[in-house]
Amino acid sequence: MTRRMSERRTSIIGAFLVALGPVSMALYTPAMPELVRAFSSSEAAIKMTLSLYFAGFAFAQLVSGTLSDVIGRRRTTLIFMTIYLAGSLMAAFAPSVAVLLAGRLVQGIGASVGMTVARAIVRDQFTGLQAARIMNMIGMMLAIGPAVSPTLGGLALGLFGWQSIFFLMVGFALMACVCVQFFMAETATPDPAKGHLRPILAAYRELLTDTRFVSSTLVIAGAVGALYAQATMLPFVLIGTVGLTPTEFGVGMLMQSGFFFSGTVTVRLLMRRFTPQALVPVGLCFIALGSVALAYTMHALEPSFLAVMAPVGVYAFGIAFVMPYMMTAAMAPFPHIAGTASAMMGFIQMGAGLLGGALAAVVGVPVLALGTIIPSFGLLCVFSYLWYRRTVRLTPLAAPVDGTQPLPEAAE
């Protein structure tokens, strides 16, 4: 039986589920150089813990999203949160790098449900400007978690050692289970028929042949994928090259999240006068500016905290303008397969981050990788939006007084 949750409850639950994946990554990054020493391992092996987390997160979304259409959002979320809990315990008690790698892979698989289910419960209940407002609120809350996480991770590392970081993740898993069990309503009607191979393949074919979905998802991949990709580079640039301590690195990452949070607040205020689509080109200008600045500072200047984080902050500010409309637009035409559409969007988004991390490992020099790969993501974002504009006919840019105007993609 399906039920409708309020906009506020949907926003809070969606934000918590979405934030779980990035928080699990951001909380962990200050410990990466320490783990090299703790396990007497190589930098490449510790970087692989992030790559495996990304891989599990990206590919498992294809399962968790479809499963949420088949057995329901709540049951799927509880199953995957149990998997995330198991991975956190494996990592916390890891006696070797091999077990740590396995734990991070299992963590990524479990955390994948957050992205897929959060977007699906929004699409199940809301469309148009109301959905965009929720996506913006999710983005606002999402900024808080990753902003605090590196600081919290750096402090926990300094006070209690690297294991304490994974015990924090155990606590997050338990909180998520309680939240879903007692506060999240089932918003979809489970349909076992969608779990058969033919409907699954038909759903993915429908998504991948729809230019609206592909172009809008690539915009998101270029924007948000850059955040995940640079997470594999920033610890080694700021700690290894610039010379920050893990705690300083955690505090310094507040700059990126602060810019993103400021962007979400600005967008929420601007949506009173403009539609979400009108704000996308503004965000793309910030993303382009951040990309050009980062390419210049990393190739032409001596690396410093401001040379790295100022362009990264401008890029993050622009992402806040892009996310609400593009995520809503990508999901709008597919209410019948909302979980699968969210899964494919998340897979492409995380896959972009995984690809960026892999390319950084191939480049080998973190400063050079950061100044080349992240600006390339900015270009992908801009050109994908130009493709999207050619695909759809956009509505006027002034926001309606009652805030009920649907997005153009919601109507067939």
Protein backbone atom coordinates (compact mmCIF):
# COMPACT_ATOMS: atom_id res chain seq x y z
CA MET A 1 0.00 0.00 0.00
CA THR A 2 1.39 3.39 -0.98
CA ARG A 3 1.19 6.54 1.11
CA ARG A 4 2.09 10.14 0.49
CA MET A 5 4.60 11.89 2.74
CA SER A 6 4.81 15.63 3.25
CA GLU A 7 7.27 17.70 1.28
CA ARG A 8 9.31 18.31 4.44
CA ARG A 9 9.49 14.65 5.47
CA THR A 10 10.37 13.59 1.93
CA SER A 11 13.13 16.21 1.85
CA ILE A 12 14.64 15.16 5.18
CA ILE A 13 14.52 11.41 4.53
CA GLY A 14 15.74 11.87 0.95
CA ALA A 15 18.60 14.10 2.11
CA PHE A 16 19.71 11.61 4.74
CA LEU A 17 19.70 8.71 2.30
CA VAL A 18 21.46 10.66 -0.45
CA ALA A 19 24.06 12.04 1.94
CA LEU A 20 25.06 8.61 3.25
CA GLY A 21 27.20 7.78 0.21
CA PRO A 22 29.16 11.07 -0.04
CA VAL A 23 29.51 11.27 3.76
CA SER A 24 31.01 7.77 3.82
CA MET A 25 33.54 8.97 1.28
CA ALA A 26 34.28 12.41 2.75
CA LEU A 27 34.57 11.10 6.31
CA TYR A 28 37.22 8.66 5.16
CA THR A 29 39.45 10.84 2.95
CA PRO A 30 41.53 12.46 5.76
CA ALA A 31 42.63 8.96 6.84
CA MET A 32 43.96 7.87 3.44
CA PRO A 33 47.59 8.96 3.95
CA GLU A 34 47.50 7.49 7.49
CA LEU A 35 46.22 4.15 6.15
CA VAL A 36 49.24 3.93 3.86
CA ARG A 37 51.42 3.95 6.96
CA ALA A 38 49.10 1.87 9.19
CA PHE A 39 49.01 -1.06 6.78
CA SER A 40 52.57 -0.54 5.48
CA SER A 41 50.95 -0.36 2.07
CA SER A 42 51.29 1.72 -1.07
CA GLU A 43 49.44 4.87 -2.02
CA ALA A 44 47.99 3.04 -5.03
CA ALA A 45 46.50 0.31 -2.83
CA ILE A 46 44.81 2.83 -0.53
CA LYS A 47 43.49 4.75 -3.54
CA MET A 48 41.96 1.46 -4.65
CA THR A 49 39.74 1.52 -1.54
CA LEU A 50 38.03 4.58 -3.01
CA SER A 51 37.86 3.06 -6.49
CA LEU A 52 36.22 -0.12 -5.18
CA TYR A 53 33.77 1.94 -3.14
CA PHE A 54 32.87 3.89 -6.28
CA ALA A 55 32.53 0.69 -8.31
CA GLY A 56 30.25 -0.96 -5.77
CA PHE A 57 28.22 2.23 -5.43
CA ALA A 58 27.85 2.70 -9.19
CA PHE A 59 27.01 -0.84 -10.30
CA ALA A 60 24.83 -1.74 -7.30
CA GLN A 61 22.51 1.15 -8.12
CA LEU A 62 21.37 -0.79 -11.17
CA VAL A 63 20.22 -3.53 -8.78
CA SER A 64 18.86 -1.42 -5.93
CA GLY A 65 16.86 0.85 -8.22
CA THR A 66 15.14 -1.96 -10.08
CA LEU A 67 14.62 -3.91 -6.86
CA SER A 68 12.84 -0.90 -5.34
CA ASP A 69 10.35 -1.06 -8.25
CA VAL A 70 9.90 -4.79 -7.65
CA ILE A 71 9.61 -5.13 -3.84
CA GLY A 72 9.12 -1.51 -2.75
CA ARG A 73 11.27 1.39 -1.58
CA ARG A 74 11.27 0.60 2.15
CA ARG A 75 12.19 -3.10 1.97
CA THR A 76 14.94 -2.41 -0.55
CA THR A 77 16.40 0.35 1.59
CA LEU A 78 16.47 -1.84 4.71
CA ILE A 79 18.17 -4.69 2.83
CA PHE A 80 20.92 -2.45 1.46
CA MET A 81 21.43 -0.59 4.74
CA THR A 82 22.12 -3.98 6.35
CA ILE A 83 24.74 -4.59 3.65
CA TYR A 84 26.26 -1.17 4.36
CA LEU A 85 26.40 -1.99 8.08
CA ALA A 86 28.23 -5.26 7.35
CA GLY A 87 30.77 -3.43 5.16
CA SER A 88 31.39 -0.82 7.85
CA LEU A 89 32.10 -3.52 10.43
CA MET A 90 34.46 -5.30 8.02
CA ALA A 91 36.42 -2.09 7.45
CA ALA A 92 36.54 -1.18 11.14
CA PHE A 93 38.07 -4.53 12.11
CA ALA A 94 40.16 -5.00 8.95
CA PRO A 95 43.43 -6.82 9.78
CA SER A 96 44.83 -6.25 6.30
CA VAL A 97 44.46 -4.11 3.20
CA ALA A 98 42.64 -6.98 1.46
CA VAL A 99 39.87 -7.01 4.08
CA LEU A 100 39.71 -3.20 4.04
CA LEU A 101 39.26 -3.29 0.25
CA ALA A 102 36.47 -5.87 0.59
CA GLY A 103 34.78 -3.83 3.32
CA ARG A 104 34.82 -0.67 1.23
CA LEU A 105 33.35 -2.57 -1.75
CA VAL A 106 30.52 -3.91 0.44
CA GLN A 107 29.98 -0.42 1.87
CA GLY A 108 29.61 1.02 -1.62
CA ILE A 109 27.08 -1.65 -2.56
CA GLY A 110 24.99 -0.92 0.52
CA ALA A 111 25.17 2.88 0.26
CA SER A 112 23.99 2.78 -3.37
CA VAL A 113 20.35 2.52 -2.31
CA GLY A 114 20.39 6.06 -0.92
CA MET A 115 20.77 7.77 -4.28
CA THR A 116 18.23 5.62 -6.10
CA VAL A 117 15.48 5.53 -3.50
CA ALA A 118 15.76 9.21 -2.54
CA ARG A 119 15.14 10.39 -6.09
CA ALA A 120 12.49 7.73 -6.65
CA ILE A 121 10.39 8.75 -3.63
CA VAL A 122 10.44 12.33 -4.89
CA ARG A 123 9.25 11.26 -8.36
CA ASP A 124 6.63 8.94 -6.83
CA GLN A 125 4.93 11.86 -5.10
CA PHE A 126 5.87 15.20 -6.71
CA THR A 127 6.51 16.82 -10.09
CA GLY A 128 7.40 20.23 -11.46
CA LEU A 129 8.49 23.09 -9.23
CA GLN A 130 7.54 21.22 -6.06
CA ALA A 131 9.89 18.38 -7.01
CA ALA A 132 12.61 20.91 -7.85
CA ARG A 133 12.19 22.53 -4.43
CA ILE A 134 12.65 19.16 -2.76
CA MET A 135 15.72 18.41 -4.88
CA ASN A 136 17.11 21.81 -3.87
CA MET A 137 16.42 21.10 -0.19
CA ILE A 138 18.07 17.72 -0.54
CA GLY A 139 21.06 19.49 -2.07
CA MET A 140 21.09 22.00 0.78
CA MET A 141 21.11 19.27 3.40
CA LEU A 142 23.54 17.25 1.32
CA ALA A 143 26.03 20.10 1.57
CA ILE A 144 26.01 19.98 5.36
CA GLY A 145 27.02 16.30 5.67
CA PRO A 146 30.07 16.33 3.38
CA ALA A 147 31.03 19.74 4.80
CA VAL A 148 31.23 18.45 8.36
CA SER A 149 32.48 14.95 7.49
CA PRO A 150 36.15 15.68 6.65
CA THR A 151 36.43 17.79 9.79
CA LEU A 152 34.78 15.07 11.88
CA GLY A 153 36.93 12.42 10.18
CA GLY A 154 40.13 14.40 10.78
CA LEU A 155 39.28 14.91 14.47
CA ALA A 156 38.33 11.25 14.96
CA LEU A 157 41.54 10.19 13.25
CA GLY A 158 43.65 12.40 15.50
CA LEU A 159 41.88 11.42 18.73
CA PHE A 160 40.96 7.75 18.32
CA GLY A 161 42.69 6.37 15.22
CA TRP A 162 41.45 5.34 11.79
CA GLN A 163 39.09 2.60 13.08
CA SER A 164 36.90 5.24 14.74
CA ILE A 165 35.96 6.62 11.32
CA PHE A 166 34.36 3.32 10.35
CA PHE A 167 32.60 3.02 13.71
CA LEU A 168 30.95 6.37 12.90
CA MET A 169 29.69 4.77 9.68
CA VAL A 170 28.27 1.87 11.72
CA GLY A 171 26.29 4.46 13.67
CA PHE A 172 25.03 6.05 10.45
CA ALA A 173 23.82 2.65 9.22
CA LEU A 174 21.87 2.03 12.41
CA MET A 175 20.33 5.52 12.24
CA ALA A 176 19.27 4.90 8.64
CA CYS A 177 17.54 1.63 9.54
CA VAL A 178 15.60 3.32 12.35
CA CYS A 179 14.65 6.25 10.09
CA VAL A 180 13.35 4.01 7.31
CA GLN A 181 11.55 1.59 9.64
CA PHE A 182 9.63 4.19 11.63
CA PHE A 183 9.37 7.35 9.51
CA MET A 184 9.49 6.44 5.80
CA ALA A 185 6.24 5.52 4.07
CA GLU A 186 6.08 3.17 1.10
CA THR A 187 5.52 5.46 -1.91
CA ALA A 188 5.44 2.87 -4.71
CA THR A 189 3.28 -0.13 -5.48
CA PRO A 190 5.60 -3.18 -5.65
CA ASP A 191 5.40 -4.97 -8.99
CA PRO A 192 7.16 -8.37 -9.13
CA ALA A 193 6.69 -8.45 -12.91
CA LYS A 194 9.28 -5.66 -13.24
CA GLY A 195 11.91 -8.03 -11.86
CA HIS A 196 11.88 -10.27 -14.92
CA LEU A 197 14.72 -9.90 -17.40
CA ARG A 198 12.64 -8.71 -20.35
CA PRO A 199 10.95 -5.78 -18.54
CA ILE A 200 14.31 -4.78 -17.03
CA LEU A 201 16.00 -4.70 -20.42
CA ALA A 202 13.02 -2.89 -21.93
CA ALA A 203 13.17 -0.24 -19.20
CA TYR A 204 16.88 0.39 -19.69
CA ARG A 205 16.41 0.51 -23.46
CA GLU A 206 13.64 3.08 -23.02
CA LEU A 207 15.94 5.24 -20.90
CA LEU A 208 19.05 4.99 -23.04
CA THR A 209 17.20 5.76 -26.27
CA ASP A 210 15.51 8.85 -24.83
CA THR A 211 17.67 11.86 -25.66
CA ARG A 212 16.04 13.93 -22.90
CA PHE A 213 17.18 11.44 -20.30
CA VAL A 214 20.66 10.89 -21.72
CA SER A 215 21.49 14.57 -22.25
CA SER A 216 20.17 15.72 -18.86
CA THR A 217 21.93 12.84 -17.10
CA LEU A 218 25.23 13.73 -18.76
CA VAL A 219 24.84 17.28 -17.44
CA ILE A 220 24.54 15.80 -13.94
CA ALA A 221 27.45 13.45 -14.60
CA GLY A 222 29.67 16.37 -15.58
CA ALA A 223 28.61 18.41 -12.54
CA VAL A 224 28.32 15.94 -9.67
CA GLY A 225 30.72 13.37 -11.15
CA ALA A 226 33.47 15.97 -10.81
CA LEU A 227 32.93 16.09 -7.04
CA TYR A 228 33.41 12.34 -6.75
CA ALA A 229 36.40 12.30 -9.09
CA GLN A 230 38.26 15.07 -7.30
CA ALA A 231 37.70 13.34 -3.96
CA THR A 232 40.34 10.82 -5.08
CA MET A 233 42.80 13.62 -5.87
CA LEU A 234 42.32 16.39 -3.28
CA PRO A 235 43.73 14.49 -0.25
CA PHE A 236 46.98 13.82 -2.08
CA VAL A 237 47.18 17.34 -3.53
CA LEU A 238 46.39 19.20 -0.30
CA ILE A 239 48.11 16.84 2.14
CA GLY A 240 50.87 15.40 -0.03
CA THR A 241 51.77 18.46 -2.14
CA VAL A 242 50.50 21.55 -0.31
CA GLY A 243 51.45 20.09 3.07
CA LEU A 244 48.24 20.25 5.12
CA THR A 245 47.71 17.91 8.05
CA PRO A 246 44.69 15.56 7.92
CA THR A 247 42.84 17.81 10.38
CA GLU A 248 43.69 20.94 8.35
CA PHE A 249 42.54 19.14 5.24
CA GLY A 250 39.20 18.30 6.89
CA VAL A 251 38.67 21.92 7.92
CA GLY A 252 39.80 23.17 4.50
CA MET A 253 37.18 21.06 2.73
CA LEU A 254 34.56 23.24 4.41
CA MET A 255 35.34 25.76 1.68
CA GLN A 256 34.00 23.48 -1.06
CA SER A 257 30.91 22.48 0.87
CA GLY A 258 30.38 26.06 2.03
CA PHE A 259 30.27 27.29 -1.56
CA PHE A 260 27.86 24.50 -2.48
CA PHE A 261 25.63 25.24 0.51
CA SER A 262 25.65 28.96 -0.36
CA GLY A 263 24.61 28.04 -3.88
CA THR A 264 21.65 25.95 -2.71
CA VAL A 265 20.44 28.78 -0.46
CA THR A 266 20.78 31.27 -3.32
CA VAL A 267 18.89 28.97 -5.67
CA ARG A 268 16.05 28.52 -3.19
CA LEU A 269 15.65 32.29 -2.94
CA LEU A 270 15.86 32.81 -6.70
CA MET A 271 13.22 30.14 -7.40
CA ARG A 272 10.65 32.56 -5.99
CA ARG A 273 11.14 34.70 -9.10
CA PHE A 274 12.57 32.32 -11.69
CA THR A 275 11.88 28.77 -12.77
CA PRO A 276 14.60 26.21 -11.96
CA GLN A 277 15.48 25.90 -15.66
CA ALA A 278 16.32 29.61 -15.83
CA LEU A 279 19.04 29.11 -13.21
CA VAL A 280 20.86 26.31 -15.06
CA PRO A 281 22.79 28.59 -17.49
CA VAL A 282 23.91 30.69 -14.52
CA GLY A 283 25.26 27.58 -12.84
CA LEU A 284 27.01 26.50 -16.01
CA CYS A 285 28.81 29.85 -16.15
CA PHE A 286 30.18 29.26 -12.64
CA ILE A 287 31.17 25.70 -13.57
CA ALA A 288 32.96 26.95 -16.69
CA LEU A 289 34.72 29.68 -14.70
CA GLY A 290 35.84 27.21 -12.04
CA SER A 291 37.07 24.80 -14.71
CA VAL A 292 39.16 27.42 -16.52
CA ALA A 293 40.58 28.75 -13.24
CA LEU A 294 41.50 25.26 -12.00
CA ALA A 295 43.20 24.37 -15.28
CA TYR A 296 45.25 27.56 -15.09
CA THR A 297 46.25 27.36 -11.41
CA MET A 298 47.23 23.69 -11.53
CA HIS A 299 49.30 24.02 -14.71
CA ALA A 300 50.79 27.51 -14.33
CA LEU A 301 51.05 28.26 -10.60
CA GLU A 302 52.67 26.69 -7.56
CA PRO A 303 50.01 24.60 -5.75
CA SER A 304 48.59 26.31 -2.67
CA PHE A 305 45.40 25.97 -0.67
CA LEU A 306 43.65 28.90 -2.38
CA ALA A 307 44.96 27.97 -5.84
CA VAL A 308 43.25 24.60 -5.41
CA MET A 309 40.14 25.34 -3.38
CA ALA A 310 39.01 28.68 -4.82
CA PRO A 311 38.29 27.22 -8.30
CA VAL A 312 36.86 24.06 -6.70
CA GLY A 313 34.53 26.26 -4.62
CA VAL A 314 33.32 28.23 -7.65
CA TYR A 315 32.64 24.93 -9.47
CA ALA A 316 30.67 23.64 -6.46
CA PHE A 317 28.64 26.88 -6.29
CA GLY A 318 27.58 26.34 -9.91
CA ILE A 319 26.54 22.73 -9.29
CA ALA A 320 23.88 23.92 -6.85
CA PHE A 321 22.21 25.86 -9.68
CA VAL A 322 22.24 22.88 -12.05
CA MET A 323 21.06 20.00 -9.86
CA PRO A 324 17.39 20.78 -9.01
CA TYR A 325 16.15 21.25 -12.56
CA MET A 326 18.31 18.66 -14.33
CA MET A 327 17.56 15.86 -11.86
CA THR A 328 13.84 16.60 -11.95
CA ALA A 329 13.85 16.88 -15.74
CA ALA A 330 15.63 13.55 -16.17
CA MET A 331 13.14 11.73 -13.91
CA ALA A 332 9.93 13.46 -15.02
CA PRO A 333 9.05 11.37 -18.12
CA PHE A 334 9.40 8.01 -16.29
CA PRO A 335 6.95 7.70 -13.37
CA HIS A 336 6.32 4.05 -14.31
CA ILE A 337 9.99 3.10 -13.83
CA ALA A 338 11.13 5.77 -11.37
CA GLY A 339 13.44 3.41 -9.47
CA THR A 340 15.12 2.17 -12.64
CA ALA A 341 15.47 5.71 -14.03
CA SER A 342 17.03 6.87 -10.76
CA ALA A 343 19.35 3.85 -10.82
CA MET A 344 20.57 4.54 -14.34
CA MET A 345 21.06 8.22 -13.56
CA GLY A 346 23.07 7.34 -10.48
CA PHE A 347 25.10 4.73 -12.34
CA ILE A 348 26.11 7.23 -15.01
CA GLN A 349 26.81 9.90 -12.38
CA MET A 350 28.94 7.62 -10.20
CA GLY A 351 30.46 5.97 -13.25
CA ALA A 352 31.75 9.37 -14.29
CA GLY A 353 33.36 9.78 -10.89
CA LEU A 354 34.86 6.29 -11.12
CA LEU A 355 36.24 7.04 -14.58
CA GLY A 356 37.73 10.30 -13.34
CA GLY A 357 39.43 8.51 -10.45
CA ALA A 358 40.78 5.83 -12.78
CA LEU A 359 42.15 8.46 -15.17
CA ALA A 360 43.79 10.22 -12.21
CA ALA A 361 45.54 6.97 -11.31
CA VAL A 362 46.75 6.64 -14.91
CA VAL A 363 48.08 10.22 -14.94
CA GLY A 364 49.86 9.51 -11.66
CA VAL A 365 50.61 13.14 -10.73
CA PRO A 366 47.69 14.39 -8.54
CA VAL A 367 48.18 18.09 -9.37
CA LEU A 368 48.27 17.45 -13.12
CA ALA A 369 45.27 15.11 -12.89
CA LEU A 370 43.21 17.63 -10.93
CA GLY A 371 43.97 20.43 -13.39
CA THR A 372 43.09 18.33 -16.43
CA ILE A 373 40.32 15.89 -15.52
CA ILE A 374 38.02 18.21 -13.53
CA PRO A 375 37.98 20.95 -16.24
CA SER A 376 37.10 18.18 -18.73
CA PHE A 377 34.08 17.34 -16.59
CA GLY A 378 33.09 21.01 -16.79
CA LEU A 379 33.18 20.87 -20.58
CA LEU A 380 31.04 17.72 -20.54
CA CYS A 381 28.49 19.52 -18.38
CA VAL A 382 28.24 22.57 -20.65
CA PHE A 383 28.06 20.72 -23.98
CA SER A 384 25.55 18.18 -22.64
CA TYR A 385 23.25 21.03 -21.65
CA LEU A 386 23.48 22.50 -25.15
CA TRP A 387 22.43 19.09 -26.46
CA TYR A 388 19.57 18.99 -23.96
CA ARG A 389 18.32 22.41 -25.09
CA ARG A 390 18.14 21.17 -28.67
CA THR A 391 16.15 18.15 -27.49
CA VAL A 392 13.34 19.84 -25.57
CA ARG A 393 11.28 23.01 -25.88
CA LEU A 394 11.72 24.97 -22.67
CA THR A 395 8.93 26.92 -20.95
CA PRO A 396 9.14 30.63 -20.02
CA LEU A 397 11.75 31.59 -17.43
CA ALA A 398 9.54 33.57 -15.03
CA ALA A 399 8.26 31.56 -12.07
CA PRO A 400 4.48 31.30 -11.66
CA VAL A 401 3.00 32.97 -8.61
CA ASP A 402 1.47 29.75 -7.24
CA GLY A 403 4.58 27.66 -7.94
CA THR A 404 2.57 24.86 -9.58
CA GLN A 405 3.82 25.02 -13.16
CA PRO A 406 5.09 21.58 -14.23
CA LEU A 407 8.36 21.06 -15.98
CA PRO A 408 7.96 20.62 -19.75
CA GLU A 409 9.26 17.06 -19.60
CA ALA A 410 6.48 16.03 -17.23
CA ALA A 411 3.91 16.35 -19.96
CA GLU A 412 3.80 13.97 -22.87
